[in-house]
Amino acid sequence: MDASKLRELSDNDLQQELDDASRQLFELRVQSQAERLDSPSQIKAKRRLIARIKTIRHERAQEQPEEAVSE
């Protein structure tokens, strides 16, 4: 999922995506230690997805105080 689609999601949906991606990353790491992965690049992709989600959540948190001050 790219950043533009993530930005369209609500805060609750973003949290759900973050939880899902974190769980999938954990499963991929366990699988990589137990057996060979079909696509090792999946780990990198999940890490980047988690980083995108956290960045968007941080940007939204930064916008909230600014809007409160301007009102």
Protein backbone atom coordinates (compact mmCIF):
# COMPACT_ATOMS: atom_id res chain seq x y z
CA MET A 1 0.00 0.00 0.00
CA ASP A 2 1.44 3.34 -0.98
CA ALA A 3 1.51 6.50 1.13
CA SER A 4 -1.34 8.25 -0.69
CA LYS A 5 -3.72 5.38 0.06
CA LEU A 6 -2.53 5.27 3.67
CA ARG A 7 -3.19 9.00 4.09
CA GLU A 8 -6.82 8.44 3.10
CA LEU A 9 -7.37 6.02 5.99
CA SER A 10 -8.76 7.08 9.34
CA ASP A 11 -6.65 6.93 12.50
CA ASN A 12 -8.34 3.70 13.57
CA ASP A 13 -7.74 2.11 10.17
CA LEU A 14 -4.10 3.20 10.29
CA GLN A 15 -3.72 1.59 13.71
CA GLN A 16 -5.26 -1.62 12.37
CA GLU A 17 -2.89 -1.59 9.38
CA LEU A 18 0.05 -1.02 11.73
CA ASP A 19 -0.99 -3.93 13.94
CA ASP A 20 -1.43 -6.21 10.94
CA ALA A 21 1.89 -5.25 9.40
CA SER A 22 3.71 -5.69 12.71
CA ARG A 23 2.21 -9.14 13.17
CA GLN A 24 3.09 -10.13 9.61
CA LEU A 25 6.65 -8.87 10.07
CA PHE A 26 7.00 -10.96 13.22
CA GLU A 27 5.70 -14.03 11.38
CA LEU A 28 8.10 -13.42 8.50
CA ARG A 29 11.05 -13.11 10.88
CA VAL A 30 10.13 -16.33 12.65
CA GLN A 31 9.65 -18.06 9.32
CA SER A 32 13.01 -16.79 8.07
CA GLN A 33 14.74 -18.33 11.06
CA ALA A 34 12.87 -21.64 10.82
CA GLU A 35 12.95 -22.09 7.06
CA ARG A 36 13.85 -20.38 3.86
CA LEU A 37 11.53 -17.57 2.73
CA ASP A 38 10.07 -17.60 -0.76
CA SER A 39 10.72 -13.88 -1.04
CA PRO A 40 13.16 -12.36 1.48
CA SER A 41 12.27 -8.90 0.21
CA GLN A 42 8.92 -9.23 2.02
CA ILE A 43 10.65 -8.40 5.30
CA LYS A 44 12.03 -5.17 3.85
CA ALA A 45 8.65 -4.27 2.36
CA LYS A 46 6.86 -4.78 5.70
CA ARG A 47 9.45 -2.70 7.54
CA ARG A 48 8.96 0.13 5.06
CA LEU A 49 5.16 -0.12 5.34
CA ILE A 50 5.41 0.15 9.13
CA ALA A 51 7.68 3.18 8.76
CA ARG A 52 5.22 4.85 6.35
CA ILE A 53 2.32 4.29 8.74
CA LYS A 54 4.26 5.62 11.72
CA THR A 55 5.34 8.67 9.71
CA ILE A 56 1.77 9.48 8.72
CA ARG A 57 0.59 9.06 12.33
CA HIS A 58 3.39 11.37 13.49
CA GLU A 59 2.49 13.99 10.86
CA ARG A 60 -1.13 13.91 12.00
CA ALA A 61 -0.08 14.28 15.62
CA GLN A 62 2.05 17.29 14.69
CA GLU A 63 -0.89 18.91 12.84
CA GLN A 64 -3.28 18.60 15.81
CA PRO A 65 -1.55 21.10 18.15
CA GLU A 66 -1.06 23.62 15.33
CA GLU A 67 -4.77 23.59 14.53
CA ALA A 68 -5.66 24.04 18.20
CA VAL A 69 -3.34 27.06 18.53
CA SER A 70 -4.63 28.76 15.36
CA GLU A 71 -8.26 28.59 16.53
